[in-house]
């Protein structure tokens, strides 16, 4: 599911964030009530809201990804950028 919201006033950030969460929650409830098994599916990281949980995006792969990151980025250089942190 991909939901798009846009607004221009920074003082509306909290309101719009809540509207996005409410909309996604409602649409998920409708999909589940119609028999779609979407309640616990992984979120696609490119479209996930900015505060989505990492386990929800990567599921059972999270431990493997954390292990790889520790091996290839022991100085945590990737952690200096924005985005989700493993």
C-alpha atoms as a PDB file:
ATOM      1  CA  UNK A   1       0.000   0.000   0.000  1.00  0.00           C
ATOM      2  CA  UNK A   2       1.395   3.397  -0.921  1.00  0.00           C
ATOM      3  CA  UNK A   3      -0.260   6.501   0.512  1.00  0.00           C
ATOM      4  CA  UNK A   4       0.915   9.956  -0.496  1.00  0.00           C
ATOM      5  CA  UNK A   5       0.327  13.139   1.503  1.00  0.00           C
ATOM      6  CA  UNK A   6       1.665  16.633   0.834  1.00  0.00           C
ATOM      7  CA  UNK A   7       1.468  19.883   2.783  1.00  0.00           C
ATOM      8  CA  UNK A   8       3.437  23.099   2.916  1.00  0.00           C
ATOM      9  CA  UNK A   9       3.155  24.402   6.474  1.00  0.00           C
ATOM     10  CA  UNK A  10       5.683  23.027   8.983  1.00  0.00           C
ATOM     11  CA  UNK A  11       3.248  23.584  11.848  1.00  0.00           C
ATOM     12  CA  UNK A  12       1.070  20.878  10.276  1.00  0.00           C
ATOM     13  CA  UNK A  13       3.776  18.182  10.488  1.00  0.00           C
ATOM     14  CA  UNK A  14       2.406  16.429  13.578  1.00  0.00           C
ATOM     15  CA  UNK A  15      -1.178  16.571  12.309  1.00  0.00           C
ATOM     16  CA  UNK A  16      -0.231  15.159   8.906  1.00  0.00           C
ATOM     17  CA  UNK A  17       1.964  12.459  10.425  1.00  0.00           C
ATOM     18  CA  UNK A  18      -0.973  11.308  12.525  1.00  0.00           C
ATOM     19  CA  UNK A  19      -3.269  11.475   9.481  1.00  0.00           C
ATOM     20  CA  UNK A  20      -0.875   9.198   7.586  1.00  0.00           C
ATOM     21  CA  UNK A  21      -0.763   6.695  10.437  1.00  0.00           C
ATOM     22  CA  UNK A  22      -4.547   6.783  10.832  1.00  0.00           C
ATOM     23  CA  UNK A  23      -5.130   6.329   7.094  1.00  0.00           C
ATOM     24  CA  UNK A  24      -2.707   3.415   6.833  1.00  0.00           C
ATOM     25  CA  UNK A  25      -4.239   1.794   9.910  1.00  0.00           C
ATOM     26  CA  UNK A  26      -7.759   2.158   8.568  1.00  0.00           C
ATOM     27  CA  UNK A  27      -6.867   0.812   5.124  1.00  0.00           C
ATOM     28  CA  UNK A  28      -5.055  -2.124   6.714  1.00  0.00           C
ATOM     29  CA  UNK A  29      -8.141  -2.911   8.830  1.00  0.00           C
ATOM     30  CA  UNK A  30     -10.361  -2.826   5.738  1.00  0.00           C
ATOM     31  CA  UNK A  31      -7.984  -5.080   3.790  1.00  0.00           C
ATOM     32  CA  UNK A  32      -7.809  -7.593   6.655  1.00  0.00           C
ATOM     33  CA  UNK A  33     -11.603  -7.559   7.063  1.00  0.00           C
ATOM     34  CA  UNK A  34     -11.890  -8.374   3.362  1.00  0.00           C
ATOM     35  CA  UNK A  35      -9.644 -11.405   3.755  1.00  0.00           C
ATOM     36  CA  UNK A  36      -6.277 -10.014   2.729  1.00  0.00           C
ATOM     37  CA  UNK A  37      -3.405 -11.228   4.884  1.00  0.00           C
ATOM     38  CA  UNK A  38      -1.646  -7.877   5.177  1.00  0.00           C
ATOM     39  CA  UNK A  39      -1.669  -7.276   8.919  1.00  0.00           C
ATOM     40  CA  UNK A  40       1.914  -8.385   9.518  1.00  0.00           C
ATOM     41  CA  UNK A  41       3.568  -8.165   6.119  1.00  0.00           C
ATOM     42  CA  UNK A  42       6.934  -6.472   5.793  1.00  0.00           C
ATOM     43  CA  UNK A  43       6.961  -2.821   4.837  1.00  0.00           C
ATOM     44  CA  UNK A  44       8.824  -1.777   1.702  1.00  0.00           C
ATOM     45  CA  UNK A  45      11.555   0.563   3.045  1.00  0.00           C
ATOM     46  CA  UNK A  46      11.429   3.006   0.124  1.00  0.00           C
ATOM     47  CA  UNK A  47       7.774   3.730   0.879  1.00  0.00           C
ATOM     48  CA  UNK A  48       7.674   3.284   4.662  1.00  0.00           C
ATOM     49  CA  UNK A  49       6.867   6.299   6.815  1.00  0.00           C
ATOM     50  CA  UNK A  50       9.927   7.845   8.426  1.00  0.00           C
ATOM     51  CA  UNK A  51       9.348   6.349  11.868  1.00  0.00           C
ATOM     52  CA  UNK A  52       8.497   2.815  10.717  1.00  0.00           C
ATOM     53  CA  UNK A  53      10.126   0.133  12.830  1.00  0.00           C
ATOM     54  CA  UNK A  54      13.154  -1.620  11.394  1.00  0.00           C
ATOM     55  CA  UNK A  55      11.880  -5.094  12.400  1.00  0.00           C
ATOM     56  CA  UNK A  56       8.634  -4.394  10.517  1.00  0.00           C
ATOM     57  CA  UNK A  57      10.626  -3.601   7.376  1.00  0.00           C
ATOM     58  CA  UNK A  58      13.239  -6.350   7.502  1.00  0.00           C
ATOM     59  CA  UNK A  59      11.589  -9.042   9.618  1.00  0.00           C
ATOM     60  CA  UNK A  60      13.605 -12.225   9.982  1.00  0.00           C
ATOM     61  CA  UNK A  61      16.432 -10.737   7.896  1.00  0.00           C
ATOM     62  CA  UNK A  62      17.269  -8.050  10.458  1.00  0.00           C
ATOM     63  CA  UNK A  63      19.822 -10.073  12.426  1.00  0.00           C
ATOM     64  CA  UNK A  64      21.677 -11.059   9.241  1.00  0.00           C
ATOM     65  CA  UNK A  65      21.703  -7.432   8.048  1.00  0.00           C
ATOM     66  CA  UNK A  66      23.032  -6.223  11.409  1.00  0.00           C
ATOM     67  CA  UNK A  67      25.778  -8.857  11.264  1.00  0.00           C
ATOM     68  CA  UNK A  68      26.789  -7.822   7.737  1.00  0.00           C
ATOM     69  CA  UNK A  69      26.788  -4.140   8.695  1.00  0.00           C
ATOM     70  CA  UNK A  70      29.037  -4.848  11.696  1.00  0.00           C
ATOM     71  CA  UNK A  71      31.503  -6.636   9.401  1.00  0.00           C
ATOM     72  CA  UNK A  72      31.625  -4.115   6.550  1.00  0.00           C
ATOM     73  CA  UNK A  73      31.117  -0.913   8.550  1.00  0.00           C
ATOM     74  CA  UNK A  74      32.753  -1.356  11.971  1.00  0.00           C
ATOM     75  CA  UNK A  75      33.283   2.421  12.249  1.00  0.00           C
ATOM     76  CA  UNK A  76      29.552   3.059  11.627  1.00  0.00           C
ATOM     77  CA  UNK A  77      30.176   5.461   8.737  1.00  0.00           C
ATOM     78  CA  UNK A  78      26.758   4.604   7.278  1.00  0.00           C
ATOM     79  CA  UNK A  79      25.228   5.676  10.592  1.00  0.00           C
ATOM     80  CA  UNK A  80      26.310   9.261   9.882  1.00  0.00           C
ATOM     81  CA  UNK A  81      23.724   9.603   7.141  1.00  0.00           C
ATOM     82  CA  UNK A  82      19.965   9.872   7.439  1.00  0.00           C
ATOM     83  CA  UNK A  83      17.567   6.993   7.236  1.00  0.00           C
ATOM     84  CA  UNK A  84      16.973   3.889   9.294  1.00  0.00           C
ATOM     85  CA  UNK A  85      19.712   2.599  11.552  1.00  0.00           C
ATOM     86  CA  UNK A  86      20.539  -1.093  11.755  1.00  0.00           C
END
